[in-house]
Amino acid sequence: MELNRLYGSATDYFSLNGHGVMKLTPDAAVDVCLQAAQHGLVVVRIEGGIWHSPGFEARLDRIWDGADPPIDLDRAMANNARAAEDVRRERAVHSAFIVSTAPLTGYRHKRK
């Protein structure tokens, strides 16, 4: 994955494990949100910003926080739909988004 690239495909997000670092076009960010539950993921945060080709200017006033896992599939789908709607609402002002996702079951911590 290239960190100074704006990605336009949800497929890239899922195949490259773009969680928390991949900069997405508004359309790709919406698609990631809508497809995340099918991949066993819940959207936990969206950060909006401005793409400067290359470079991402993060906007600290443009953060959307979603549900914390563990979460069931129905609640995840509702959460992810709200996330997609947030991106749609902000797309006129923000040209790039970073979507952070987590497994529906939450992270498993290894015991030592």
PDB file of N, CA and C in Angstrom:
ATOM      1  N   MET A   1       0.836  -1.168   0.000  1.00  0.00           N
ATOM      2  CA  MET A   1       0.000   0.000   0.000  1.00  0.00           C
ATOM      3  C   MET A   1       0.887   1.238   0.000  1.00  0.00           C
ATOM      4  N   GLU A   2       0.490   2.197  -0.785  1.00  0.00           N
ATOM      5  CA  GLU A   2       1.212   3.471  -0.849  1.00  0.00           C
ATOM      6  C   GLU A   2       0.528   4.471   0.088  1.00  0.00           C
ATOM      7  N   LEU A   3       1.277   5.029   1.007  1.00  0.00           N
ATOM      8  CA  LEU A   3       0.694   5.945   1.986  1.00  0.00           C
ATOM      9  C   LEU A   3       0.358   7.315   1.412  1.00  0.00           C
ATOM     10  N   ASN A   4       1.034   7.721   0.343  1.00  0.00           N
ATOM     11  CA  ASN A   4       0.768   9.023  -0.278  1.00  0.00           C
ATOM     12  C   ASN A   4      -0.026   8.868  -1.558  1.00  0.00           C
ATOM     13  N   ARG A   5      -1.068   8.048  -1.474  1.00  0.00           N
ATOM     14  CA  ARG A   5      -1.949   7.813  -2.621  1.00  0.00           C
ATOM     15  C   ARG A   5      -3.390   7.897  -2.145  1.00  0.00           C
ATOM     16  N   LEU A   6      -4.251   8.434  -2.994  1.00  0.00           N
ATOM     17  CA  LEU A   6      -5.680   8.476  -2.716  1.00  0.00           C
ATOM     18  C   LEU A   6      -6.324   7.293  -3.430  1.00  0.00           C
ATOM     19  N   TYR A   7      -6.915   6.393  -2.664  1.00  0.00           N
ATOM     20  CA  TYR A   7      -7.507   5.177  -3.212  1.00  0.00           C
ATOM     21  C   TYR A   7      -8.982   5.403  -3.521  1.00  0.00           C
ATOM     22  N   GLY A   8      -9.425   4.842  -4.626  1.00  0.00           N
ATOM     23  CA  GLY A   8     -10.799   5.018  -5.069  1.00  0.00           C
ATOM     24  C   GLY A   8     -11.610   3.745  -5.075  1.00  0.00           C
ATOM     25  N   SER A   9     -11.162   2.725  -4.336  1.00  0.00           N
ATOM     26  CA  SER A   9     -11.830   1.433  -4.384  1.00  0.00           C
ATOM     27  C   SER A   9     -11.914   0.784  -3.006  1.00  0.00           C
ATOM     28  N   ALA A  10     -13.109   0.331  -2.653  1.00  0.00           N
ATOM     29  CA  ALA A  10     -13.277  -0.423  -1.411  1.00  0.00           C
ATOM     30  C   ALA A  10     -12.525  -1.747  -1.492  1.00  0.00           C
ATOM     31  N   THR A  11     -12.418  -2.304  -2.677  1.00  0.00           N
ATOM     32  CA  THR A  11     -11.686  -3.556  -2.871  1.00  0.00           C
ATOM     33  C   THR A  11     -10.243  -3.400  -2.416  1.00  0.00           C
ATOM     34  N   ASP A  12      -9.623  -2.273  -2.750  1.00  0.00           N
ATOM     35  CA  ASP A  12      -8.252  -2.008  -2.307  1.00  0.00           C
ATOM     36  C   ASP A  12      -8.176  -1.960  -0.783  1.00  0.00           C
ATOM     37  N   TYR A  13      -9.155  -1.318  -0.155  1.00  0.00           N
ATOM     38  CA  TYR A  13      -9.167  -1.212   1.303  1.00  0.00           C
ATOM     39  C   TYR A  13      -9.127  -2.593   1.947  1.00  0.00           C
ATOM     40  N   PHE A  14      -9.993  -3.464   1.495  1.00  0.00           N
ATOM     41  CA  PHE A  14     -10.087  -4.785   2.115  1.00  0.00           C
ATOM     42  C   PHE A  14      -8.907  -5.684   1.741  1.00  0.00           C
ATOM     43  N   SER A  15      -8.434  -5.604   0.508  1.00  0.00           N
ATOM     44  CA  SER A  15      -7.329  -6.485   0.096  1.00  0.00           C
ATOM     45  C   SER A  15      -5.985  -6.029   0.653  1.00  0.00           C
ATOM     46  N   LEU A  16      -5.836  -4.737   0.903  1.00  0.00           N
ATOM     47  CA  LEU A  16      -4.567  -4.204   1.400  1.00  0.00           C
ATOM     48  C   LEU A  16      -4.596  -3.905   2.900  1.00  0.00           C
ATOM     49  N   ASN A  17      -5.683  -4.277   3.575  1.00  0.00           N
ATOM     50  CA  ASN A  17      -5.829  -4.010   5.006  1.00  0.00           C
ATOM     51  C   ASN A  17      -5.600  -2.530   5.308  1.00  0.00           C
ATOM     52  N   GLY A  18      -6.422  -1.696   4.676  1.00  0.00           N
ATOM     53  CA  GLY A  18      -6.244  -0.254   4.758  1.00  0.00           C
ATOM     54  C   GLY A  18      -6.659   0.400   6.049  1.00  0.00           C
ATOM     55  N   HIS A  19      -7.057  -0.356   7.044  1.00  0.00           N
ATOM     56  CA  HIS A  19      -7.534   0.154   8.325  1.00  0.00           C
ATOM     57  C   HIS A  19      -6.655   1.261   8.893  1.00  0.00           C
ATOM     58  N   GLY A  20      -7.237   2.425   9.055  1.00  0.00           N
ATOM     59  CA  GLY A  20      -6.590   3.500   9.796  1.00  0.00           C
ATOM     60  C   GLY A  20      -5.475   4.255   9.103  1.00  0.00           C
ATOM     61  N   VAL A  21      -5.098   3.855   7.887  1.00  0.00           N
ATOM     62  CA  VAL A  21      -3.999   4.554   7.217  1.00  0.00           C
ATOM     63  C   VAL A  21      -4.304   4.897   5.760  1.00  0.00           C
ATOM     64  N   MET A  22      -5.191   4.167   5.135  1.00  0.00           N
ATOM     65  CA  MET A  22      -5.458   4.361   3.715  1.00  0.00           C
ATOM     66  C   MET A  22      -6.368   5.574   3.506  1.00  0.00           C
ATOM     67  N   LYS A  23      -5.943   6.472   2.628  1.00  0.00           N
ATOM     68  CA  LYS A  23      -6.752   7.630   2.297  1.00  0.00           C
ATOM     69  C   LYS A  23      -7.680   7.231   1.159  1.00  0.00           C
ATOM     70  N   LEU A  24      -8.980   7.500   1.338  1.00  0.00           N
ATOM     71  CA  LEU A  24     -10.004   7.066   0.402  1.00  0.00           C
ATOM     72  C   LEU A  24     -10.772   8.245  -0.169  1.00  0.00           C
ATOM     73  N   THR A  25     -11.185   8.113  -1.425  1.00  0.00           N
ATOM     74  CA  THR A  25     -12.112   9.085  -1.993  1.00  0.00           C
ATOM     75  C   THR A  25     -13.433   8.968  -1.235  1.00  0.00           C
ATOM     76  N   PRO A  26     -14.283   9.981  -1.317  1.00  0.00           N
ATOM     77  CA  PRO A  26     -15.582   9.864  -0.648  1.00  0.00           C
ATOM     78  C   PRO A  26     -16.379   8.635  -1.108  1.00  0.00           C
ATOM     79  N   ASP A  27     -16.410   8.351  -2.399  1.00  0.00           N
ATOM     80  CA  ASP A  27     -17.147   7.185  -2.898  1.00  0.00           C
ATOM     81  C   ASP A  27     -16.589   5.892  -2.322  1.00  0.00           C
ATOM     82  N   ALA A  28     -15.268   5.761  -2.302  1.00  0.00           N
ATOM     83  CA  ALA A  28     -14.645   4.550  -1.756  1.00  0.00           C
ATOM     84  C   ALA A  28     -14.924   4.434  -0.264  1.00  0.00           C
ATOM     85  N   ALA A  29     -14.887   5.540   0.468  1.00  0.00           N
ATOM     86  CA  ALA A  29     -15.156   5.505   1.908  1.00  0.00           C
ATOM     87  C   ALA A  29     -16.588   5.049   2.173  1.00  0.00           C
ATOM     88  N   VAL A  30     -17.546   5.542   1.399  1.00  0.00           N
ATOM     89  CA  VAL A  30     -18.936   5.103   1.541  1.00  0.00           C
ATOM     90  C   VAL A  30     -19.035   3.608   1.283  1.00  0.00           C
ATOM     91  N   ASP A  31     -18.396   3.139   0.214  1.00  0.00           N
ATOM     92  CA  ASP A  31     -18.437   1.707  -0.115  1.00  0.00           C
ATOM     93  C   ASP A  31     -17.805   0.854   0.980  1.00  0.00           C
ATOM     94  N   VAL A  32     -16.694   1.316   1.552  1.00  0.00           N
ATOM     95  CA  VAL A  32     -16.060   0.578   2.653  1.00  0.00           C
ATOM     96  C   VAL A  32     -17.043   0.466   3.815  1.00  0.00           C
ATOM     97  N   CYS A  33     -17.680   1.564   4.163  1.00  0.00           N
ATOM     98  CA  CYS A  33     -18.636   1.539   5.270  1.00  0.00           C
ATOM     99  C   CYS A  33     -19.766   0.550   5.005  1.00  0.00           C
ATOM    100  N   LEU A  34     -20.292   0.566   3.787  1.00  0.00           N
ATOM    101  CA  LEU A  34     -21.431  -0.286   3.472  1.00  0.00           C
ATOM    102  C   LEU A  34     -21.057  -1.761   3.330  1.00  0.00           C
ATOM    103  N   GLN A  35     -19.796  -2.052   3.027  1.00  0.00           N
ATOM    104  CA  GLN A  35     -19.360  -3.438   2.845  1.00  0.00           C
ATOM    105  C   GLN A  35     -18.655  -4.023   4.071  1.00  0.00           C
ATOM    106  N   ALA A  36     -18.319  -3.203   5.037  1.00  0.00           N
ATOM    107  CA  ALA A  36     -17.501  -3.641   6.170  1.00  0.00           C
ATOM    108  C   ALA A  36     -18.118  -4.818   6.925  1.00  0.00           C
ATOM    109  N   ALA A  37     -19.402  -4.772   7.202  1.00  0.00           N
ATOM    110  CA  ALA A  37     -20.033  -5.853   7.972  1.00  0.00           C
ATOM    111  C   ALA A  37     -19.928  -7.190   7.243  1.00  0.00           C
ATOM    112  N   GLN A  38     -19.964  -7.167   5.918  1.00  0.00           N
ATOM    113  CA  GLN A  38     -19.814  -8.399   5.130  1.00  0.00           C
ATOM    114  C   GLN A  38     -18.426  -9.010   5.310  1.00  0.00           C
ATOM    115  N   HIS A  39     -17.486  -8.194   5.748  1.00  0.00           N
ATOM    116  CA  HIS A  39     -16.117  -8.643   6.008  1.00  0.00           C
ATOM    117  C   HIS A  39     -15.888  -8.880   7.506  1.00  0.00           C
ATOM    118  N   GLY A  40     -16.970  -8.842   8.282  1.00  0.00           N
ATOM    119  CA  GLY A  40     -16.855  -9.068   9.723  1.00  0.00           C
ATOM    120  C   GLY A  40     -16.301  -7.874  10.474  1.00  0.00           C
ATOM    121  N   LEU A  41     -16.510  -6.666   9.938  1.00  0.00           N
ATOM    122  CA  LEU A  41     -15.922  -5.459  10.517  1.00  0.00           C
ATOM    123  C   LEU A  41     -16.983  -4.428  10.868  1.00  0.00           C
ATOM    124  N   VAL A  42     -16.680  -3.633  11.869  1.00  0.00           N
ATOM    125  CA  VAL A  42     -17.504  -2.494  12.247  1.00  0.00           C
ATOM    126  C   VAL A  42     -16.647  -1.235  12.089  1.00  0.00           C
ATOM    127  N   VAL A  43     -17.259  -0.164  11.592  1.00  0.00           N
ATOM    128  CA  VAL A  43     -16.558   1.119  11.451  1.00  0.00           C
ATOM    129  C   VAL A  43     -16.502   1.772  12.831  1.00  0.00           C
ATOM    130  N   VAL A  44     -15.288   2.000  13.312  1.00  0.00           N
ATOM    131  CA  VAL A  44     -15.121   2.589  14.643  1.00  0.00           C
ATOM    132  C   VAL A  44     -14.755   4.071  14.585  1.00  0.00           C
ATOM    133  N   ARG A  45     -14.228   4.527  13.449  1.00  0.00           N
ATOM    134  CA  ARG A  45     -13.869   5.946  13.334  1.00  0.00           C
ATOM    135  C   ARG A  45     -13.714   6.315  11.858  1.00  0.00           C
ATOM    136  N   ILE A  46     -14.093   7.551  11.560  1.00  0.00           N
ATOM    137  CA  ILE A  46     -13.848   8.132  10.241  1.00  0.00           C
ATOM    138  C   ILE A  46     -13.207   9.486  10.465  1.00  0.00           C
ATOM    139  N   GLU A  47     -12.124   9.721   9.762  1.00  0.00           N
ATOM    140  CA  GLU A  47     -11.456  11.018   9.814  1.00  0.00           C
ATOM    141  C   GLU A  47     -11.532  11.646   8.433  1.00  0.00           C
ATOM    142  N   GLY A  48     -12.055  12.848   8.373  1.00  0.00           N
ATOM    143  CA  GLY A  48     -12.145  13.564   7.106  1.00  0.00           C
ATOM    144  C   GLY A  48     -10.989  14.527   6.952  1.00  0.00           C
ATOM    145  N   GLY A  49     -10.656  14.815   5.707  1.00  0.00           N
ATOM    146  CA  GLY A  49      -9.575  15.749   5.449  1.00  0.00           C
ATOM    147  C   GLY A  49      -9.580  16.217   4.010  1.00  0.00           C
ATOM    148  N   ILE A  50      -8.513  16.899   3.663  1.00  0.00           N
ATOM    149  CA  ILE A  50      -8.357  17.455   2.325  1.00  0.00           C
ATOM    150  C   ILE A  50      -7.183  16.755   1.662  1.00  0.00           C
ATOM    151  N   TRP A  51      -7.400  16.266   0.434  1.00  0.00           N
ATOM    152  CA  TRP A  51      -6.337  15.622  -0.333  1.00  0.00           C
ATOM    153  C   TRP A  51      -5.598  16.687  -1.135  1.00  0.00           C
ATOM    154  N   HIS A  52      -4.257  16.712  -1.026  1.00  0.00           N
ATOM    155  CA  HIS A  52      -3.438  17.709  -1.712  1.00  0.00           C
ATOM    156  C   HIS A  52      -2.594  17.133  -2.830  1.00  0.00           C
ATOM    157  N   SER A  53      -2.724  15.889  -3.145  1.00  0.00           N
ATOM    158  CA  SER A  53      -2.102  15.217  -4.291  1.00  0.00           C
ATOM    159  C   SER A  53      -0.598  15.462  -4.443  1.00  0.00           C
ATOM    160  N   PRO A  54       0.288  14.841  -3.728  1.00  0.00           N
ATOM    161  CA  PRO A  54      -0.027  13.908  -2.650  1.00  0.00           C
ATOM    162  C   PRO A  54      -0.071  14.623  -1.317  1.00  0.00           C
ATOM    163  N   GLY A  55      -0.621  13.957  -0.373  1.00  0.00           N
ATOM    164  CA  GLY A  55      -0.663  14.454   0.990  1.00  0.00           C
ATOM    165  C   GLY A  55      -2.069  14.621   1.505  1.00  0.00           C
ATOM    166  N   PHE A  56      -2.240  14.274   2.750  1.00  0.00           N
ATOM    167  CA  PHE A  56      -3.535  14.331   3.408  1.00  0.00           C
ATOM    168  C   PHE A  56      -3.472  15.336   4.536  1.00  0.00           C
ATOM    169  N   GLU A  57      -4.347  16.331   4.490  1.00  0.00           N
ATOM    170  CA  GLU A  57      -4.462  17.318   5.567  1.00  0.00           C
ATOM    171  C   GLU A  57      -5.620  16.893   6.466  1.00  0.00           C
ATOM    172  N   ALA A  58      -5.293  16.319   7.593  1.00  0.00           N
ATOM    173  CA  ALA A  58      -6.319  15.866   8.532  1.00  0.00           C
ATOM    174  C   ALA A  58      -7.034  17.062   9.128  1.00  0.00           C
ATOM    175  N   ARG A  59      -8.319  16.915   9.331  1.00  0.00           N
ATOM    176  CA  ARG A  59      -9.126  17.955   9.958  1.00  0.00           C
ATOM    177  C   ARG A  59      -9.618  17.429  11.295  1.00  0.00           C
ATOM    178  N   LEU A  60      -9.042  17.908  12.368  1.00  0.00           N
ATOM    179  CA  LEU A  60      -9.380  17.398  13.693  1.00  0.00           C
ATOM    180  C   LEU A  60     -10.838  17.658  14.071  1.00  0.00           C
ATOM    181  N   ASP A  61     -11.465  18.631  13.390  1.00  0.00           N
ATOM    182  CA  ASP A  61     -12.874  18.893  13.649  1.00  0.00           C
ATOM    183  C   ASP A  61     -13.780  17.969  12.844  1.00  0.00           C
ATOM    184  N   ARG A  62     -13.179  17.053  12.114  1.00  0.00           N
ATOM    185  CA  ARG A  62     -13.961  16.171  11.241  1.00  0.00           C
ATOM    186  C   ARG A  62     -13.711  14.705  11.607  1.00  0.00           C
ATOM    187  N   ILE A  63     -14.056  14.339  12.812  1.00  0.00           N
ATOM    188  CA  ILE A  63     -13.904  12.959  13.269  1.00  0.00           C
ATOM    189  C   ILE A  63     -15.273  12.435  13.669  1.00  0.00           C
ATOM    190  N   TRP A  64     -15.615  11.262  13.152  1.00  0.00           N
ATOM    191  CA  TRP A  64     -16.856  10.572  13.506  1.00  0.00           C
ATOM    192  C   TRP A  64     -16.476   9.293  14.239  1.00  0.00           C
ATOM    193  N   ASP A  65     -16.991   9.116  15.443  1.00  0.00           N
ATOM    194  CA  ASP A  65     -16.723   7.907  16.217  1.00  0.00           C
ATOM    195  C   ASP A  65     -17.939   7.001  16.176  1.00  0.00           C
ATOM    196  N   GLY A  66     -17.678   5.738  15.849  1.00  0.00           N
ATOM    197  CA  GLY A  66     -18.732   4.744  15.775  1.00  0.00           C
ATOM    198  C   GLY A  66     -18.757   3.852  16.999  1.00  0.00           C
ATOM    199  N   ALA A  67     -19.388   2.699  16.831  1.00  0.00           N
ATOM    200  CA  ALA A  67     -19.566   1.742  17.926  1.00  0.00           C
ATOM    201  C   ALA A  67     -18.259   1.038  18.257  1.00  0.00           C
ATOM    202  N   ASP A  68     -18.165   0.608  19.513  1.00  0.00           N
ATOM    203  CA  ASP A  68     -17.022  -0.180  19.964  1.00  0.00           C
ATOM    204  C   ASP A  68     -17.404  -1.656  19.972  1.00  0.00           C
ATOM    205  N   PRO A  69     -16.561  -2.515  19.409  1.00  0.00           N
ATOM    206  CA  PRO A  69     -16.837  -3.953  19.473  1.00  0.00           C
ATOM    207  C   PRO A  69     -16.508  -4.492  20.863  1.00  0.00           C
ATOM    208  N   PRO A  70     -17.013  -5.629  21.240  1.00  0.00           N
ATOM    209  CA  PRO A  70     -17.794  -6.547  20.409  1.00  0.00           C
ATOM    210  C   PRO A  70     -19.200  -6.009  20.164  1.00  0.00           C
ATOM    211  N   ILE A  71     -19.729  -6.373  18.986  1.00  0.00           N
ATOM    212  CA  ILE A  71     -21.024  -5.886  18.533  1.00  0.00           C
ATOM    213  C   ILE A  71     -21.633  -6.949  17.631  1.00  0.00           C
ATOM    214  N   ASP A  72     -22.966  -7.072  17.656  1.00  0.00           N
ATOM    215  CA  ASP A  72     -23.590  -8.074  16.789  1.00  0.00           C
ATOM    216  C   ASP A  72     -23.734  -7.522  15.367  1.00  0.00           C
ATOM    217  N   LEU A  73     -24.019  -8.403  14.441  1.00  0.00           N
ATOM    218  CA  LEU A  73     -24.052  -8.040  13.019  1.00  0.00           C
ATOM    219  C   LEU A  73     -25.109  -6.978  12.734  1.00  0.00           C
ATOM    220  N   ASP A  74     -26.286  -7.086  13.302  1.00  0.00           N
ATOM    221  CA  ASP A  74     -27.343  -6.103  13.026  1.00  0.00           C
ATOM    222  C   ASP A  74     -26.948  -4.710  13.503  1.00  0.00           C
ATOM    223  N   ARG A  75     -26.401  -4.626  14.704  1.00  0.00           N
ATOM    224  CA  ARG A  75     -25.958  -3.322  15.215  1.00  0.00           C
ATOM    225  C   ARG A  75     -24.786  -2.784  14.398  1.00  0.00           C
ATOM    226  N   ALA A  76     -23.903  -3.661  13.960  1.00  0.00           N
ATOM    227  CA  ALA A  76     -22.771  -3.239  13.125  1.00  0.00           C
ATOM    228  C   ALA A  76     -23.263  -2.676  11.794  1.00  0.00           C
ATOM    229  N   MET A  77     -24.232  -3.345  11.197  1.00  0.00           N
ATOM    230  CA  MET A  77     -24.756  -2.856   9.916  1.00  0.00           C
ATOM    231  C   MET A  77     -25.409  -1.485  10.074  1.00  0.00           C
ATOM    232  N   ALA A  78     -26.146  -1.276  11.164  1.00  0.00           N
ATOM    233  CA  ALA A  78     -26.753   0.032  11.418  1.00  0.00           C
ATOM    234  C   ALA A  78     -25.683   1.091  11.663  1.00  0.00           C
ATOM    235  N   ASN A  79     -24.674   0.762  12.454  1.00  0.00           N
ATOM    236  CA  ASN A  79     -23.553   1.668  12.721  1.00  0.00           C
ATOM    237  C   ASN A  79     -22.850   2.040  11.412  1.00  0.00           C
ATOM    238  N   ASN A  80     -22.579   1.045  10.592  1.00  0.00           N
ATOM    239  CA  ASN A  80     -21.845   1.273   9.353  1.00  0.00           C
ATOM    240  C   ASN A  80     -22.662   2.105   8.360  1.00  0.00           C
ATOM    241  N   ALA A  81     -23.984   1.937   8.373  1.00  0.00           N
ATOM    242  CA  ALA A  81     -24.848   2.765   7.523  1.00  0.00           C
ATOM    243  C   ALA A  81     -24.790   4.226   7.978  1.00  0.00           C
ATOM    244  N   ARG A  82     -24.765   4.447   9.296  1.00  0.00           N
ATOM    245  CA  ARG A  82     -24.611   5.823   9.817  1.00  0.00           C
ATOM    246  C   ARG A  82     -23.259   6.399   9.409  1.00  0.00           C
ATOM    247  N   ALA A  83     -22.234   5.570   9.420  1.00  0.00           N
ATOM    248  CA  ALA A  83     -20.901   6.024   9.001  1.00  0.00           C
ATOM    249  C   ALA A  83     -20.919   6.447   7.536  1.00  0.00           C
ATOM    250  N   ALA A  84     -21.560   5.642   6.691  1.00  0.00           N
ATOM    251  CA  ALA A  84     -21.653   5.985   5.262  1.00  0.00           C
ATOM    252  C   ALA A  84     -22.400   7.296   5.071  1.00  0.00           C
ATOM    253  N   GLU A  85     -23.469   7.493   5.835  1.00  0.00           N
ATOM    254  CA  GLU A  85     -24.231   8.730   5.739  1.00  0.00           C
ATOM    255  C   GLU A  85     -23.396   9.928   6.182  1.00  0.00           C
ATOM    256  N   ASP A  86     -22.557   9.749   7.189  1.00  0.00           N
ATOM    257  CA  ASP A  86     -21.668  10.817   7.633  1.00  0.00           C
ATOM    258  C   ASP A  86     -20.721  11.236   6.502  1.00  0.00           C
ATOM    259  N   VAL A  87     -20.158  10.272   5.807  1.00  0.00           N
ATOM    260  CA  VAL A  87     -19.263  10.588   4.690  1.00  0.00           C
ATOM    261  C   VAL A  87     -20.035  11.317   3.590  1.00  0.00           C
ATOM    262  N   ARG A  88     -21.217  10.841   3.269  1.00  0.00           N
ATOM    263  CA  ARG A  88     -22.034  11.500   2.226  1.00  0.00           C
ATOM    264  C   ARG A  88     -22.305  12.957   2.585  1.00  0.00           C
ATOM    265  N   ARG A  89     -22.596  13.202   3.859  1.00  0.00           N
ATOM    266  CA  ARG A  89     -22.880  14.567   4.326  1.00  0.00           C
ATOM    267  C   ARG A  89     -21.653  15.474   4.219  1.00  0.00           C
ATOM    268  N   GLU A  90     -20.475  14.907   4.441  1.00  0.00           N
ATOM    269  CA  GLU A  90     -19.252  15.710   4.508  1.00  0.00           C
ATOM    270  C   GLU A  90     -18.479  15.786   3.192  1.00  0.00           C
ATOM    271  N   ARG A  91     -18.895  15.058   2.203  1.00  0.00           N
ATOM    272  CA  ARG A  91     -18.123  14.972   0.957  1.00  0.00           C
ATOM    273  C   ARG A  91     -17.987  16.309   0.221  1.00  0.00           C
ATOM    274  N   ALA A  92     -18.883  17.229   0.424  1.00  0.00           N
ATOM    275  CA  ALA A  92     -18.786  18.527  -0.240  1.00  0.00           C
ATOM    276  C   ALA A  92     -17.635  19.358   0.310  1.00  0.00           C
ATOM    277  N   VAL A  93     -17.248  19.083   1.561  1.00  0.00           N
ATOM    278  CA  VAL A  93     -16.194  19.859   2.220  1.00  0.00           C
ATOM    279  C   VAL A  93     -14.882  19.098   2.283  1.00  0.00           C
ATOM    280  N   HIS A  94     -14.941  17.779   2.413  1.00  0.00           N
ATOM    281  CA  HIS A  94     -13.739  16.960   2.597  1.00  0.00           C
ATOM    282  C   HIS A  94     -13.552  16.028   1.404  1.00  0.00           C
ATOM    283  N   SER A  95     -12.360  16.026   0.858  1.00  0.00           N
ATOM    284  CA  SER A  95     -12.099  15.262  -0.369  1.00  0.00           C
ATOM    285  C   SER A  95     -11.464  13.903  -0.116  1.00  0.00           C
ATOM    286  N   ALA A  96     -11.134  13.588   1.129  1.00  0.00           N
ATOM    287  CA  ALA A  96     -10.515  12.304   1.452  1.00  0.00           C
ATOM    288  C   ALA A  96     -10.903  11.898   2.870  1.00  0.00           C
ATOM    289  N   PHE A  97     -10.950  10.584   3.080  1.00  0.00           N
ATOM    290  CA  PHE A  97     -11.354  10.048   4.375  1.00  0.00           C
ATOM    291  C   PHE A  97     -10.468   8.875   4.747  1.00  0.00           C
ATOM    292  N   ILE A  98     -10.228   8.726   6.038  1.00  0.00           N
ATOM    293  CA  ILE A  98      -9.559   7.546   6.581  1.00  0.00           C
ATOM    294  C   ILE A  98     -10.616   6.809   7.403  1.00  0.00           C
ATOM    295  N   VAL A  99     -10.830   5.541   7.064  1.00  0.00           N
ATOM    296  CA  VAL A  99     -11.823   4.724   7.758  1.00  0.00           C
ATOM    297  C   VAL A  99     -11.090   3.704   8.623  1.00  0.00           C
ATOM    298  N   SER A 100     -11.413   3.698   9.902  1.00  0.00           N
ATOM    299  CA  SER A 100     -10.850   2.703  10.820  1.00  0.00           C
ATOM    300  C   SER A 100     -11.934   1.692  11.158  1.00  0.00           C
ATOM    301  N   THR A 101     -11.569   0.423  11.043  1.00  0.00           N
ATOM    302  CA  THR A 101     -12.508  -0.659  11.315  1.00  0.00           C
ATOM    303  C   THR A 101     -11.909  -1.608  12.342  1.00  0.00           C
ATOM    304  N   ALA A 102     -12.783  -2.398  12.940  1.00  0.00           N
ATOM    305  CA  ALA A 102     -12.346  -3.414  13.900  1.00  0.00           C
ATOM    306  C   ALA A 102     -13.225  -4.648  13.701  1.00  0.00           C
ATOM    307  N   PRO A 103     -12.713  -5.819  14.072  1.00  0.00           N
ATOM    308  CA  PRO A 103     -13.537  -7.028  13.989  1.00  0.00           C
ATOM    309  C   PRO A 103     -14.780  -6.895  14.870  1.00  0.00           C
ATOM    310  N   LEU A 104     -15.898  -7.444  14.415  1.00  0.00           N
ATOM    311  CA  LEU A 104     -17.139  -7.398  15.189  1.00  0.00           C
ATOM    312  C   LEU A 104     -16.950  -7.972  16.590  1.00  0.00           C
ATOM    313  N   THR A 105     -16.085  -8.957  16.696  1.00  0.00           N
ATOM    314  CA  THR A 105     -15.857  -9.642  17.963  1.00  0.00           C
ATOM    315  C   THR A 105     -14.890  -8.896  18.873  1.00  0.00           C
ATOM    316  N   GLY A 106     -14.305  -7.824  18.383  1.00  0.00           N
ATOM    317  CA  GLY A 106     -13.303  -7.101  19.148  1.00  0.00           C
ATOM    318  C   GLY A 106     -11.939  -7.730  18.926  1.00  0.00           C
ATOM    319  N   TYR A 107     -10.932  -7.120  19.464  1.00  0.00           N
ATOM    320  CA  TYR A 107      -9.575  -7.636  19.329  1.00  0.00           C
ATOM    321  C   TYR A 107      -9.300  -8.662  20.411  1.00  0.00           C
ATOM    322  N   ARG A 108      -8.647  -9.690  20.038  1.00  0.00           N
ATOM    323  CA  ARG A 108      -8.259 -10.729  21.001  1.00  0.00           C
ATOM    324  C   ARG A 108      -6.837 -10.437  21.463  1.00  0.00           C
ATOM    325  N   HIS A 109      -6.656 -10.335  22.756  1.00  0.00           N
ATOM    326  CA  HIS A 109      -5.330 -10.079  23.304  1.00  0.00           C
ATOM    327  C   HIS A 109      -4.704 -11.405  23.750  1.00  0.00           C
ATOM    328  N   LYS A 110      -3.481 -11.611  23.345  1.00  0.00           N
ATOM    329  CA  LYS A 110      -2.777 -12.843  23.731  1.00  0.00           C
ATOM    330  C   LYS A 110      -2.286 -12.713  25.165  1.00  0.00           C
ATOM    331  N   ARG A 111      -2.441 -13.777  25.898  1.00  0.00           N
ATOM    332  CA  ARG A 111      -1.910 -13.806  27.256  1.00  0.00           C
ATOM    333  C   ARG A 111      -0.497 -14.346  27.222  1.00  0.00           C
ATOM    334  N   LYS A 112       0.323 -13.815  28.101  1.00  0.00           N
ATOM    335  CA  LYS A 112       1.708 -14.271  28.152  1.00  0.00           C
ATOM    336  C   LYS A 112       1.851 -15.378  29.165  1.00  0.00           C
TER     337      LYS A 112
END
